[in-house]
PDB file of N, CA and C in Angstrom:
ATOM      1  N   MET A   1       3.638 -33.508  25.940  1.00  0.00           N
ATOM      2  CA  MET A   1       3.028 -32.508  25.083  1.00  0.00           C
ATOM      3  C   MET A   1       1.165 -32.244  25.111  1.00  0.00           C
ATOM      4  N   THR A   2       1.273 -31.508  25.422  1.00  0.00           N
ATOM      5  CA  THR A   2      -0.584 -31.404  25.309  1.00  0.00           C
ATOM      6  C   THR A   2      -0.455 -30.603  23.634  1.00  0.00           C
ATOM      7  N   TYR A   3      -1.795 -31.049  23.056  1.00  0.00           N
ATOM      8  CA  TYR A   3      -2.093 -30.813  21.831  1.00  0.00           C
ATOM      9  C   TYR A   3      -3.129 -30.187  21.204  1.00  0.00           C
ATOM     10  N   LEU A   4      -3.479 -29.036  21.048  1.00  0.00           N
ATOM     11  CA  LEU A   4      -4.779 -28.804  20.681  1.00  0.00           C
ATOM     12  C   LEU A   4      -5.477 -28.557  19.292  1.00  0.00           C
ATOM     13  N   ASP A   5      -6.764 -28.664  18.544  1.00  0.00           N
ATOM     14  CA  ASP A   5      -7.253 -28.795  17.309  1.00  0.00           C
ATOM     15  C   ASP A   5      -6.559 -27.605  16.891  1.00  0.00           C
ATOM     16  N   ARG A   6      -6.061 -27.680  15.659  1.00  0.00           N
ATOM     17  CA  ARG A   6      -5.889 -26.340  15.023  1.00  0.00           C
ATOM     18  C   ARG A   6      -6.391 -26.324  13.401  1.00  0.00           C
ATOM     19  N   THR A   7      -6.890 -25.119  12.714  1.00  0.00           N
ATOM     20  CA  THR A   7      -7.619 -24.823  12.101  1.00  0.00           C
ATOM     21  C   THR A   7      -6.370 -24.160  10.451  1.00  0.00           C
ATOM     22  N   LEU A   8      -6.467 -25.056  10.410  1.00  0.00           N
ATOM     23  CA  LEU A   8      -5.296 -24.662   8.903  1.00  0.00           C
ATOM     24  C   LEU A   8      -6.388 -24.367   6.949  1.00  0.00           C
ATOM     25  N   THR A   9      -5.736 -24.071   6.613  1.00  0.00           N
ATOM     26  CA  THR A   9      -5.819 -23.401   5.682  1.00  0.00           C
ATOM     27  C   THR A   9      -5.161 -24.046   4.005  1.00  0.00           C
ATOM     28  N   CYS A  10      -6.096 -24.809   3.239  1.00  0.00           N
ATOM     29  CA  CYS A  10      -4.911 -26.180   2.061  1.00  0.00           C
ATOM     30  C   CYS A  10      -4.727 -25.142   1.287  1.00  0.00           C
ATOM     31  N   VAL A  11      -3.347 -25.346   0.900  1.00  0.00           N
ATOM     32  CA  VAL A  11      -2.726 -24.782  -0.055  1.00  0.00           C
ATOM     33  C   VAL A  11      -3.810 -25.043  -1.815  1.00  0.00           C
ATOM     34  N   ASP A  12      -3.797 -26.250  -1.966  1.00  0.00           N
ATOM     35  CA  ASP A  12      -4.528 -27.092  -3.063  1.00  0.00           C
ATOM     36  C   ASP A  12      -6.073 -25.894  -2.917  1.00  0.00           C
ATOM     37  N   CYS A  13      -7.231 -26.069  -2.588  1.00  0.00           N
ATOM     38  CA  CYS A  13      -8.279 -25.611  -2.523  1.00  0.00           C
ATOM     39  C   CYS A  13      -8.483 -24.553  -1.576  1.00  0.00           C
ATOM     40  N   GLY A  14      -7.650 -24.308  -0.711  1.00  0.00           N
ATOM     41  CA  GLY A  14      -7.907 -22.857   0.054  1.00  0.00           C
ATOM     42  C   GLY A  14      -9.140 -23.524   1.164  1.00  0.00           C
ATOM     43  N   ALA A  15      -9.900 -24.331   1.147  1.00  0.00           N
ATOM     44  CA  ALA A  15     -10.766 -24.944   2.289  1.00  0.00           C
ATOM     45  C   ALA A  15      -9.919 -24.879   3.767  1.00  0.00           C
ATOM     46  N   GLU A  16     -10.287 -24.252   4.593  1.00  0.00           N
ATOM     47  CA  GLU A  16     -10.460 -24.597   5.880  1.00  0.00           C
ATOM     48  C   GLU A  16     -10.838 -26.090   6.623  1.00  0.00           C
ATOM     49  N   PHE A  17      -9.480 -26.703   7.219  1.00  0.00           N
ATOM     50  CA  PHE A  17      -9.398 -28.567   7.826  1.00  0.00           C
ATOM     51  C   PHE A  17      -8.665 -28.088   9.413  1.00  0.00           C
ATOM     52  N   VAL A  18      -9.335 -29.361   9.946  1.00  0.00           N
ATOM     53  CA  VAL A  18      -8.921 -29.501  11.447  1.00  0.00           C
ATOM     54  C   VAL A  18      -7.541 -29.752  11.196  1.00  0.00           C
ATOM     55  N   HIS A  19      -6.484 -29.502  11.970  1.00  0.00           N
ATOM     56  CA  HIS A  19      -5.650 -30.323  12.133  1.00  0.00           C
ATOM     57  C   HIS A  19      -5.846 -30.956  14.054  1.00  0.00           C
ATOM     58  N   SER A  20      -6.133 -32.369  13.765  1.00  0.00           N
ATOM     59  CA  SER A  20      -6.904 -32.533  15.280  1.00  0.00           C
ATOM     60  C   SER A  20      -5.479 -32.561  16.138  1.00  0.00           C
ATOM     61  N   ALA A  21      -5.837 -32.719  17.777  1.00  0.00           N
ATOM     62  CA  ALA A  21      -4.748 -33.344  18.563  1.00  0.00           C
ATOM     63  C   ALA A  21      -4.356 -34.358  17.936  1.00  0.00           C
ATOM     64  N   GLU A  22      -5.040 -35.499  18.217  1.00  0.00           N
ATOM     65  CA  GLU A  22      -4.698 -36.797  17.699  1.00  0.00           C
ATOM     66  C   GLU A  22      -4.051 -37.081  16.452  1.00  0.00           C
ATOM     67  N   ASP A  23      -4.163 -36.543  15.473  1.00  0.00           N
ATOM     68  CA  ASP A  23      -3.335 -36.446  14.210  1.00  0.00           C
ATOM     69  C   ASP A  23      -1.337 -35.198  13.984  1.00  0.00           C
ATOM     70  N   GLN A  24      -1.672 -34.186  14.984  1.00  0.00           N
ATOM     71  CA  GLN A  24      -0.162 -33.270  15.666  1.00  0.00           C
ATOM     72  C   GLN A  24       0.382 -34.525  16.246  1.00  0.00           C
ATOM     73  N   GLU A  25      -0.595 -35.450  17.505  1.00  0.00           N
ATOM     74  CA  GLU A  25       0.609 -36.509  18.516  1.00  0.00           C
ATOM     75  C   GLU A  25       1.125 -37.220  17.191  1.00  0.00           C
ATOM     76  N   PHE A  26       0.118 -37.951  16.193  1.00  0.00           N
ATOM     77  CA  PHE A  26       0.943 -38.730  15.419  1.00  0.00           C
ATOM     78  C   PHE A  26       1.677 -37.980  14.383  1.00  0.00           C
ATOM     79  N   TYR A  27       2.078 -37.064  13.736  1.00  0.00           N
ATOM     80  CA  TYR A  27       2.469 -36.451  13.214  1.00  0.00           C
ATOM     81  C   TYR A  27       3.934 -36.700  13.990  1.00  0.00           C
ATOM     82  N   THR A  28       3.898 -36.022  15.478  1.00  0.00           N
ATOM     83  CA  THR A  28       5.012 -35.912  15.707  1.00  0.00           C
ATOM     84  C   THR A  28       5.849 -37.080  16.476  1.00  0.00           C
ATOM     85  N   GLN A  29       5.277 -38.403  16.565  1.00  0.00           N
ATOM     86  CA  GLN A  29       5.644 -40.085  16.879  1.00  0.00           C
ATOM     87  C   GLN A  29       5.914 -40.159  15.620  1.00  0.00           C
ATOM     88  N   LYS A  30       5.909 -39.943  13.919  1.00  0.00           N
ATOM     89  CA  LYS A  30       6.026 -39.793  12.948  1.00  0.00           C
ATOM     90  C   LYS A  30       7.505 -39.314  12.465  1.00  0.00           C
ATOM     91  N   GLY A  31       7.667 -38.236  13.623  1.00  0.00           N
ATOM     92  CA  GLY A  31       8.760 -37.942  12.853  1.00  0.00           C
ATOM     93  C   GLY A  31       8.794 -35.938  12.308  1.00  0.00           C
ATOM     94  N   PHE A  32       7.852 -36.195  11.533  1.00  0.00           N
ATOM     95  CA  PHE A  32       6.864 -34.823  10.959  1.00  0.00           C
ATOM     96  C   PHE A  32       7.126 -33.659  11.622  1.00  0.00           C
ATOM     97  N   VAL A  33       8.238 -33.072  10.962  1.00  0.00           N
ATOM     98  CA  VAL A  33       8.270 -31.047  11.804  1.00  0.00           C
ATOM     99  C   VAL A  33       7.268 -29.886  11.009  1.00  0.00           C
ATOM    100  N   SER A  34       6.612 -30.510  10.180  1.00  0.00           N
ATOM    101  CA  SER A  34       5.709 -29.699   9.568  1.00  0.00           C
ATOM    102  C   SER A  34       4.032 -29.813   9.539  1.00  0.00           C
ATOM    103  N   ASP A  35       3.325 -28.940   9.536  1.00  0.00           N
ATOM    104  CA  ASP A  35       2.181 -29.166   9.796  1.00  0.00           C
ATOM    105  C   ASP A  35       1.651 -29.496   8.120  1.00  0.00           C
ATOM    106  N   PRO A  36       0.012 -30.085   8.072  1.00  0.00           N
ATOM    107  CA  PRO A  36       0.187 -30.505   6.879  1.00  0.00           C
ATOM    108  C   PRO A  36      -0.488 -29.422   6.211  1.00  0.00           C
ATOM    109  N   LYS A  37      -0.401 -29.479   4.637  1.00  0.00           N
ATOM    110  CA  LYS A  37      -0.503 -28.248   3.538  1.00  0.00           C
ATOM    111  C   LYS A  37      -1.865 -28.180   2.828  1.00  0.00           C
ATOM    112  N   ARG A  38      -2.053 -29.536   2.956  1.00  0.00           N
ATOM    113  CA  ARG A  38      -3.592 -30.083   2.135  1.00  0.00           C
ATOM    114  C   ARG A  38      -4.353 -30.752   3.078  1.00  0.00           C
ATOM    115  N   CYS A  39      -5.773 -29.988   3.033  1.00  0.00           N
ATOM    116  CA  CYS A  39      -7.453 -31.019   3.460  1.00  0.00           C
ATOM    117  C   CYS A  39      -6.951 -32.559   2.831  1.00  0.00           C
ATOM    118  N   PRO A  40      -8.027 -33.146   3.984  1.00  0.00           N
ATOM    119  CA  PRO A  40      -7.755 -34.513   3.790  1.00  0.00           C
ATOM    120  C   PRO A  40      -7.727 -35.038   2.542  1.00  0.00           C
ATOM    121  N   SER A  41      -9.145 -34.361   2.137  1.00  0.00           N
ATOM    122  CA  SER A  41      -9.354 -34.644   0.376  1.00  0.00           C
ATOM    123  C   SER A  41      -8.801 -34.360  -0.514  1.00  0.00           C
ATOM    124  N   CYS A  42      -7.783 -33.264  -0.456  1.00  0.00           N
ATOM    125  CA  CYS A  42      -6.764 -32.775  -1.464  1.00  0.00           C
ATOM    126  C   CYS A  42      -5.281 -33.889  -1.179  1.00  0.00           C
ATOM    127  N   ARG A  43      -5.738 -34.194   0.076  1.00  0.00           N
ATOM    128  CA  ARG A  43      -3.945 -35.501  -0.158  1.00  0.00           C
ATOM    129  C   ARG A  43      -5.122 -36.900  -0.217  1.00  0.00           C
ATOM    130  N   ALA A  44      -5.729 -36.791  -0.472  1.00  0.00           N
ATOM    131  CA  ALA A  44      -5.953 -38.356  -0.750  1.00  0.00           C
ATOM    132  C   ALA A  44      -6.055 -38.479  -2.414  1.00  0.00           C
ATOM    133  N   ALA A  45      -6.513 -37.456  -2.815  1.00  0.00           N
ATOM    134  CA  ALA A  45      -6.590 -37.230  -4.646  1.00  0.00           C
ATOM    135  C   ALA A  45      -5.143 -37.272  -5.093  1.00  0.00           C
ATOM    136  N   ARG A  46      -4.395 -36.482  -4.802  1.00  0.00           N
ATOM    137  CA  ARG A  46      -2.804 -36.620  -5.311  1.00  0.00           C
ATOM    138  C   ARG A  46      -2.294 -37.964  -4.596  1.00  0.00           C
ATOM    139  N   ARG A  47      -2.578 -38.287  -3.519  1.00  0.00           N
ATOM    140  CA  ARG A  47      -2.046 -39.686  -3.380  1.00  0.00           C
ATOM    141  C   ARG A  47      -2.882 -40.754  -4.370  1.00  0.00           C
ATOM    142  N   THR A  48      -3.836 -40.290  -5.001  1.00  0.00           N
ATOM    143  CA  THR A  48      -4.364 -41.123  -5.984  1.00  0.00           C
ATOM    144  C   THR A  48      -3.436 -40.708  -7.127  1.00  0.00           C
ATOM    145  N   MET A  49      -3.720 -39.551  -7.406  1.00  0.00           N
ATOM    146  CA  MET A  49      -3.004 -39.449  -9.163  1.00  0.00           C
ATOM    147  C   MET A  49      -1.508 -40.048  -8.880  1.00  0.00           C
ATOM    148  N   ARG A  50      -0.721 -39.918  -7.719  1.00  0.00           N
ATOM    149  CA  ARG A  50       0.878 -40.458  -7.822  1.00  0.00           C
ATOM    150  C   ARG A  50       0.530 -41.613  -7.677  1.00  0.00           C
ATOM    151  N   ASP A  51      -0.325 -42.349  -7.079  1.00  0.00           N
ATOM    152  CA  ASP A  51      -0.305 -44.140  -6.924  1.00  0.00           C
ATOM    153  C   ASP A  51      -0.534 -44.558  -9.018  1.00  0.00           C
ATOM    154  N   ALA A  52      -1.280 -43.973  -9.144  1.00  0.00           N
ATOM    155  CA  ALA A  52      -2.130 -44.253 -10.873  1.00  0.00           C
ATOM    156  C   ALA A  52      -0.828 -43.885 -11.973  1.00  0.00           C
ATOM    157  N   GLY A  53       0.328 -43.234 -11.137  1.00  0.00           N
ATOM    158  CA  GLY A  53       1.736 -42.947 -12.094  1.00  0.00           C
ATOM    159  C   GLY A  53       1.471 -41.644 -12.547  1.00  0.00           C
ATOM    160  N   ASP A  54       0.741 -40.384 -12.549  1.00  0.00           N
ATOM    161  CA  ASP A  54       0.479 -39.763 -13.478  1.00  0.00           C
ATOM    162  C   ASP A  54       1.576 -38.681 -12.872  1.00  0.00           C
ATOM    163  N   GLY A  55       2.443 -38.529 -13.612  1.00  0.00           N
ATOM    164  CA  GLY A  55       3.536 -37.542 -13.629  1.00  0.00           C
ATOM    165  C   GLY A  55       5.040 -37.849 -12.928  1.00  0.00           C
ATOM    166  N   SER A  56       4.447 -39.158 -12.348  1.00  0.00           N
ATOM    167  CA  SER A  56       6.202 -39.924 -12.087  1.00  0.00           C
ATOM    168  C   SER A  56       6.735 -40.811 -12.942  1.00  0.00           C
ATOM    169  N   ASP A  57       5.834 -41.320 -13.509  1.00  0.00           N
ATOM    170  CA  ASP A  57       6.579 -42.275 -14.687  1.00  0.00           C
ATOM    171  C   ASP A  57       7.340 -41.401 -15.878  1.00  0.00           C
ATOM    172  N   ARG A  58       8.804 -41.567 -15.406  1.00  0.00           N
ATOM    173  CA  ARG A  58       9.772 -40.834 -16.442  1.00  0.00           C
ATOM    174  C   ARG A  58       9.735 -41.501 -17.744  1.00  0.00           C
ATOM    175  N   GLY A  59      10.092 -43.005 -17.603  1.00  0.00           N
ATOM    176  CA  GLY A  59      10.084 -43.790 -18.707  1.00  0.00           C
ATOM    177  C   GLY A  59       9.256 -43.612 -20.014  1.00  0.00           C
ATOM    178  N   ARG A  60       8.045 -42.811 -19.855  1.00  0.00           N
ATOM    179  CA  ARG A  60       6.445 -42.698 -20.697  1.00  0.00           C
ATOM    180  C   ARG A  60       6.550 -41.705 -20.859  1.00  0.00           C
ATOM    181  N   GLY A  61       7.296 -40.823 -21.238  1.00  0.00           N
ATOM    182  CA  GLY A  61       7.329 -38.840 -21.873  1.00  0.00           C
ATOM    183  C   GLY A  61       6.473 -38.055 -20.472  1.00  0.00           C
ATOM    184  N   GLY A  62       7.110 -38.743 -19.545  1.00  0.00           N
ATOM    185  CA  GLY A  62       6.625 -37.584 -17.946  1.00  0.00           C
ATOM    186  C   GLY A  62       5.624 -37.446 -17.657  1.00  0.00           C
ATOM    187  N   ASN A  63       4.405 -38.184 -18.132  1.00  0.00           N
ATOM    188  CA  ASN A  63       2.878 -38.087 -18.286  1.00  0.00           C
ATOM    189  C   ASN A  63       2.115 -38.832 -17.456  1.00  0.00           C
ATOM    190  N   GLY A  64       2.634 -40.082 -17.889  1.00  0.00           N
ATOM    191  CA  GLY A  64       1.703 -41.065 -16.912  1.00  0.00           C
ATOM    192  C   GLY A  64       1.356 -41.796 -18.078  1.00  0.00           C
ATOM    193  N   GLY A  65       1.331 -41.343 -19.621  1.00  0.00           N
ATOM    194  CA  GLY A  65       0.220 -42.124 -20.786  1.00  0.00           C
ATOM    195  C   GLY A  65       1.112 -42.899 -21.368  1.00  0.00           C
ATOM    196  N   PRO A  66       0.077 -43.506 -21.802  1.00  0.00           N
ATOM    197  CA  PRO A  66       1.267 -44.615 -22.872  1.00  0.00           C
ATOM    198  C   PRO A  66       2.087 -43.739 -23.922  1.00  0.00           C
ATOM    199  N   ARG A  67       3.222 -44.625 -24.076  1.00  0.00           N
ATOM    200  CA  ARG A  67       4.255 -44.206 -24.916  1.00  0.00           C
ATOM    201  C   ARG A  67       4.283 -44.257 -26.159  1.00  0.00           C
ATOM    202  N   GLU A  68       4.327 -43.017 -26.676  1.00  0.00           N
ATOM    203  CA  GLU A  68       3.723 -42.350 -28.223  1.00  0.00           C
ATOM    204  C   GLU A  68       5.481 -43.416 -29.191  1.00  0.00           C
ATOM    205  N   TYR A  69       5.235 -43.647 -30.257  1.00  0.00           N
ATOM    206  CA  TYR A  69       5.753 -44.406 -31.228  1.00  0.00           C
ATOM    207  C   TYR A  69       5.499 -43.734 -32.619  1.00  0.00           C
ATOM    208  N   PHE A  70       6.525 -43.807 -33.298  1.00  0.00           N
ATOM    209  CA  PHE A  70       6.374 -43.159 -34.742  1.00  0.00           C
ATOM    210  C   PHE A  70       6.850 -44.483 -35.757  1.00  0.00           C
ATOM    211  N   ALA A  71       6.078 -44.207 -36.610  1.00  0.00           N
ATOM    212  CA  ALA A  71       6.087 -45.017 -38.246  1.00  0.00           C
ATOM    213  C   ALA A  71       7.306 -44.663 -38.737  1.00  0.00           C
ATOM    214  N   VAL A  72       8.104 -45.531 -39.282  1.00  0.00           N
ATOM    215  CA  VAL A  72       9.234 -45.256 -39.791  1.00  0.00           C
ATOM    216  C   VAL A  72       9.553 -46.344 -40.881  1.00  0.00           C
ATOM    217  N   VAL A  73      10.823 -46.054 -41.672  1.00  0.00           N
ATOM    218  CA  VAL A  73      11.206 -47.421 -42.990  1.00  0.00           C
ATOM    219  C   VAL A  73      12.412 -47.512 -42.186  1.00  0.00           C
ATOM    220  N   CYS A  74      12.567 -49.028 -42.052  1.00  0.00           N
ATOM    221  CA  CYS A  74      14.097 -49.209 -41.489  1.00  0.00           C
ATOM    222  C   CYS A  74      15.429 -48.546 -42.836  1.00  0.00           C
ATOM    223  N   SER A  75      16.047 -48.140 -42.480  1.00  0.00           N
ATOM    224  CA  SER A  75      17.672 -47.562 -43.052  1.00  0.00           C
ATOM    225  C   SER A  75      18.039 -48.639 -43.833  1.00  0.00           C
ATOM    226  N   ARG A  76      17.949 -49.929 -43.017  1.00  0.00           N
ATOM    227  CA  ARG A  76      19.245 -50.954 -43.818  1.00  0.00           C
ATOM    228  C   ARG A  76      17.737 -51.990 -44.332  1.00  0.00           C
ATOM    229  N   CYS A  77      16.614 -52.257 -44.257  1.00  0.00           N
ATOM    230  CA  CYS A  77      15.929 -53.262 -44.605  1.00  0.00           C
ATOM    231  C   CYS A  77      15.178 -53.161 -45.862  1.00  0.00           C
ATOM    232  N   GLY A  78      14.270 -51.741 -45.278  1.00  0.00           N
ATOM    233  CA  GLY A  78      13.663 -51.202 -45.874  1.00  0.00           C
ATOM    234  C   GLY A  78      12.194 -51.210 -45.160  1.00  0.00           C
ATOM    235  N   ASN A  79      12.238 -52.078 -44.287  1.00  0.00           N
ATOM    236  CA  ASN A  79      10.783 -52.657 -43.962  1.00  0.00           C
ATOM    237  C   ASN A  79      10.371 -51.627 -42.963  1.00  0.00           C
ATOM    238  N   GLN A  80       8.762 -51.433 -42.666  1.00  0.00           N
ATOM    239  CA  GLN A  80       8.151 -50.394 -41.898  1.00  0.00           C
ATOM    240  C   GLN A  80       8.493 -50.880 -40.496  1.00  0.00           C
ATOM    241  N   ALA A  81       8.546 -50.013 -39.472  1.00  0.00           N
ATOM    242  CA  ALA A  81       8.968 -50.249 -38.169  1.00  0.00           C
ATOM    243  C   ALA A  81       8.388 -48.711 -37.296  1.00  0.00           C
ATOM    244  N   GLN A  82       8.119 -49.101 -35.927  1.00  0.00           N
ATOM    245  CA  GLN A  82       7.601 -48.513 -34.875  1.00  0.00           C
ATOM    246  C   GLN A  82       8.962 -48.304 -33.863  1.00  0.00           C
ATOM    247  N   VAL A  83       9.272 -46.851 -34.158  1.00  0.00           N
ATOM    248  CA  VAL A  83      10.343 -46.570 -32.876  1.00  0.00           C
ATOM    249  C   VAL A  83       9.327 -46.022 -31.049  1.00  0.00           C
ATOM    250  N   PRO A  84       9.753 -46.049 -30.199  1.00  0.00           N
ATOM    251  CA  PRO A  84       9.823 -45.174 -29.388  1.00  0.00           C
ATOM    252  C   PRO A  84      10.481 -43.382 -29.377  1.00  0.00           C
ATOM    253  N   PHE A  85      10.389 -43.054 -30.559  1.00  0.00           N
ATOM    254  CA  PHE A  85      10.923 -41.729 -30.382  1.00  0.00           C
ATOM    255  C   PHE A  85      10.848 -41.234 -31.327  1.00  0.00           C
ATOM    256  N   LYS A  86      10.658 -40.204 -31.737  1.00  0.00           N
ATOM    257  CA  LYS A  86      10.662 -39.013 -33.116  1.00  0.00           C
ATOM    258  C   LYS A  86      12.297 -38.552 -33.711  1.00  0.00           C
ATOM    259  N   PRO A  87      11.753 -39.641 -35.050  1.00  0.00           N
ATOM    260  CA  PRO A  87      13.097 -39.490 -35.790  1.00  0.00           C
ATOM    261  C   PRO A  87      13.442 -38.427 -36.017  1.00  0.00           C
ATOM    262  N   HIS A  88      14.796 -38.384 -36.540  1.00  0.00           N
ATOM    263  CA  HIS A  88      15.294 -36.897 -37.368  1.00  0.00           C
ATOM    264  C   HIS A  88      16.198 -37.492 -38.530  1.00  0.00           C
ATOM    265  N   MET A  89      15.739 -37.141 -39.881  1.00  0.00           N
ATOM    266  CA  MET A  89      16.211 -37.160 -40.484  1.00  0.00           C
ATOM    267  C   MET A  89      17.703 -36.978 -41.278  1.00  0.00           C
ATOM    268  N   ASP A  90      18.691 -36.743 -40.363  1.00  0.00           N
ATOM    269  CA  ASP A  90      20.378 -36.589 -40.069  1.00  0.00           C
ATOM    270  C   ASP A  90      20.721 -38.208 -39.587  1.00  0.00           C
ATOM    271  N   ARG A  91      20.174 -39.086 -39.302  1.00  0.00           N
ATOM    272  CA  ARG A  91      20.182 -40.446 -38.475  1.00  0.00           C
ATOM    273  C   ARG A  91      19.705 -41.215 -39.328  1.00  0.00           C
ATOM    274  N   PRO A  92      19.921 -42.584 -39.573  1.00  0.00           N
ATOM    275  CA  PRO A  92      19.422 -43.914 -39.782  1.00  0.00           C
ATOM    276  C   PRO A  92      18.593 -44.221 -38.319  1.00  0.00           C
ATOM    277  N   VAL A  93      17.812 -44.738 -39.047  1.00  0.00           N
ATOM    278  CA  VAL A  93      16.512 -45.420 -38.269  1.00  0.00           C
ATOM    279  C   VAL A  93      16.624 -47.072 -38.496  1.00  0.00           C
ATOM    280  N   TYR A  94      16.549 -47.728 -37.229  1.00  0.00           N
ATOM    281  CA  TYR A  94      16.679 -49.150 -37.622  1.00  0.00           C
ATOM    282  C   TYR A  94      15.290 -50.029 -37.549  1.00  0.00           C
ATOM    283  N   CYS A  95      14.803 -51.219 -37.902  1.00  0.00           N
ATOM    284  CA  CYS A  95      14.133 -51.953 -37.222  1.00  0.00           C
ATOM    285  C   CYS A  95      14.414 -52.520 -36.189  1.00  0.00           C
ATOM    286  N   SER A  96      14.327 -53.205 -35.333  1.00  0.00           N
ATOM    287  CA  SER A  96      14.466 -53.729 -34.230  1.00  0.00           C
ATOM    288  C   SER A  96      15.517 -55.093 -34.091  1.00  0.00           C
ATOM    289  N   ASP A  97      15.289 -56.009 -35.432  1.00  0.00           N
ATOM    290  CA  ASP A  97      15.834 -56.324 -35.785  1.00  0.00           C
ATOM    291  C   ASP A  97      17.270 -56.049 -36.311  1.00  0.00           C
ATOM    292  N   CYS A  98      17.340 -55.550 -37.086  1.00  0.00           N
ATOM    293  CA  CYS A  98      18.556 -54.057 -38.194  1.00  0.00           C
ATOM    294  C   CYS A  98      19.572 -53.475 -37.003  1.00  0.00           C
ATOM    295  N   PHE A  99      19.047 -52.840 -36.025  1.00  0.00           N
ATOM    296  CA  PHE A  99      19.130 -52.313 -34.936  1.00  0.00           C
ATOM    297  C   PHE A  99      20.137 -53.540 -33.817  1.00  0.00           C
ATOM    298  N   ARG A 100      19.563 -54.701 -33.604  1.00  0.00           N
ATOM    299  CA  ARG A 100      20.280 -55.841 -33.062  1.00  0.00           C
ATOM    300  C   ARG A 100      21.940 -55.944 -33.975  1.00  0.00           C
ATOM    301  N   ILE A 101      21.306 -56.020 -35.329  1.00  0.00           N
ATOM    302  CA  ILE A 101      22.725 -56.299 -36.069  1.00  0.00           C
ATOM    303  C   ILE A 101      23.836 -55.191 -36.383  1.00  0.00           C
ATOM    304  N   VAL A 102      23.054 -54.043 -36.532  1.00  0.00           N
ATOM    305  CA  VAL A 102      24.301 -53.155 -36.825  1.00  0.00           C
ATOM    306  C   VAL A 102      24.908 -52.771 -35.858  1.00  0.00           C
ATOM    307  N   HIS A 103      24.143 -53.144 -34.639  1.00  0.00           N
ATOM    308  CA  HIS A 103      25.408 -52.643 -33.309  1.00  0.00           C
ATOM    309  C   HIS A 103      25.814 -53.694 -32.703  1.00  0.00           C
ATOM    310  N   ALA A 104      25.627 -55.036 -33.293  1.00  0.00           N
ATOM    311  CA  ALA A 104      26.512 -56.364 -32.628  1.00  0.00           C
ATOM    312  C   ALA A 104      27.914 -55.988 -33.642  1.00  0.00           C
ATOM    313  N   GLU A 105      27.550 -55.358 -34.670  1.00  0.00           N
ATOM    314  CA  GLU A 105      28.251 -55.278 -35.379  1.00  0.00           C
ATOM    315  C   GLU A 105      29.457 -53.849 -35.199  1.00  0.00           C
ATOM    316  N   GLN A 106      28.587 -52.887 -34.782  1.00  0.00           N
ATOM    317  CA  GLN A 106      29.819 -51.921 -34.259  1.00  0.00           C
ATOM    318  C   GLN A 106      30.299 -52.557 -33.308  1.00  0.00           C
ATOM    319  N   ASP A 107      30.358 -53.237 -32.204  1.00  0.00           N
ATOM    320  CA  ASP A 107      30.893 -53.807 -31.006  1.00  0.00           C
ATOM    321  C   ASP A 107      31.661 -54.750 -31.483  1.00  0.00           C
ATOM    322  N   GLY A 108      31.923 -54.978 -32.703  1.00  0.00           N
ATOM    323  CA  GLY A 108      32.832 -56.114 -33.432  1.00  0.00           C
ATOM    324  C   GLY A 108      32.146 -57.776 -32.735  1.00  0.00           C
ATOM    325  N   GLN A 109      31.041 -58.092 -32.159  1.00  0.00           N
ATOM    326  CA  GLN A 109      30.598 -59.387 -32.289  1.00  0.00           C
ATOM    327  C   GLN A 109      30.178 -59.814 -33.942  1.00  0.00           C
ATOM    328  N   ALA A 110      30.336 -61.161 -33.982  1.00  0.00           N
ATOM    329  CA  ALA A 110      30.023 -61.866 -35.140  1.00  0.00           C
ATOM    330  C   ALA A 110      28.415 -62.399 -35.015  1.00  0.00           C
ATOM    331  N   THR A 111      27.538 -61.661 -35.847  1.00  0.00           N
ATOM    332  CA  THR A 111      26.274 -62.686 -36.016  1.00  0.00           C
ATOM    333  C   THR A 111      26.000 -63.076 -37.105  1.00  0.00           C
ATOM    334  N   PRO A 112      25.235 -63.935 -37.105  1.00  0.00           N
ATOM    335  CA  PRO A 112      24.374 -64.839 -38.596  1.00  0.00           C
ATOM    336  C   PRO A 112      24.664 -64.233 -39.905  1.00  0.00           C
ATOM    337  N   THR A 113      24.269 -63.219 -39.925  1.00  0.00           N
ATOM    338  CA  THR A 113      24.865 -62.232 -41.116  1.00  0.00           C
ATOM    339  C   THR A 113      25.859 -61.892 -41.663  1.00  0.00           C
ATOM    340  N   ASN A 114      27.087 -61.266 -40.774  1.00  0.00           N
ATOM    341  CA  ASN A 114      28.284 -60.993 -41.038  1.00  0.00           C
ATOM    342  C   ASN A 114      29.471 -62.266 -40.606  1.00  0.00           C
ATOM    343  N   GLN A 115      28.911 -63.571 -39.951  1.00  0.00           N
ATOM    344  CA  GLN A 115      30.354 -64.571 -40.108  1.00  0.00           C
ATOM    345  C   GLN A 115      30.369 -65.200 -41.857  1.00  0.00           C
ATOM    346  N   ALA A 116      31.857 -65.429 -41.403  1.00  0.00           N
ATOM    347  CA  ALA A 116      32.363 -65.937 -42.340  1.00  0.00           C
ATOM    348  C   ALA A 116      32.155 -67.323 -42.616  1.00  0.00           C
ATOM    349  N   THR A 117      31.537 -67.739 -44.008  1.00  0.00           N
ATOM    350  CA  THR A 117      31.477 -69.181 -43.842  1.00  0.00           C
ATOM    351  C   THR A 117      31.979 -70.035 -44.451  1.00  0.00           C
ATOM    352  N   PRO A 118      32.354 -71.300 -43.857  1.00  0.00           N
ATOM    353  CA  PRO A 118      34.064 -72.133 -44.265  1.00  0.00           C
ATOM    354  C   PRO A 118      33.566 -72.391 -45.785  1.00  0.00           C
ATOM    355  N   THR A 119      34.538 -72.272 -46.630  1.00  0.00           N
ATOM    356  CA  THR A 119      34.204 -72.811 -47.828  1.00  0.00           C
ATOM    357  C   THR A 119      35.389 -74.095 -48.274  1.00  0.00           C
ATOM    358  N   ASN A 120      35.103 -74.893 -49.241  1.00  0.00           N
ATOM    359  CA  ASN A 120      35.856 -75.489 -49.499  1.00  0.00           C
ATOM    360  C   ASN A 120      35.847 -76.074 -50.784  1.00  0.00           C
ATOM    361  N   GLN A 121      37.123 -75.577 -50.946  1.00  0.00           N
ATOM    362  CA  GLN A 121      38.145 -75.184 -51.740  1.00  0.00           C
ATOM    363  C   GLN A 121      39.212 -76.053 -52.585  1.00  0.00           C
TER     364      GLN A 121
END
């Protein structure tokens, strides 16, 4: 098949760019069925943003930035704590130590604070 250079328009910046015959052949070999939508500089910028985690890191609020923490007072021990969610006053909030203890108690697991200690009677 013979390929000819084609002029396309970038969907991001609106600039015209050439989709060369060599690029078209490469696209065909890779199995790509559509022409590129972005010019080389917009593709590079998009790739850089993607690789930097911009918008793709779902575990950090979806924006790729650092996770936001909120200051709370533990409902069990009263100590200050930081939690990775905005607390609501309708539910108790625990520091990480108390969280482990409370969830272990809910699961029926014995922890050092709720284990029965043998007594000599």
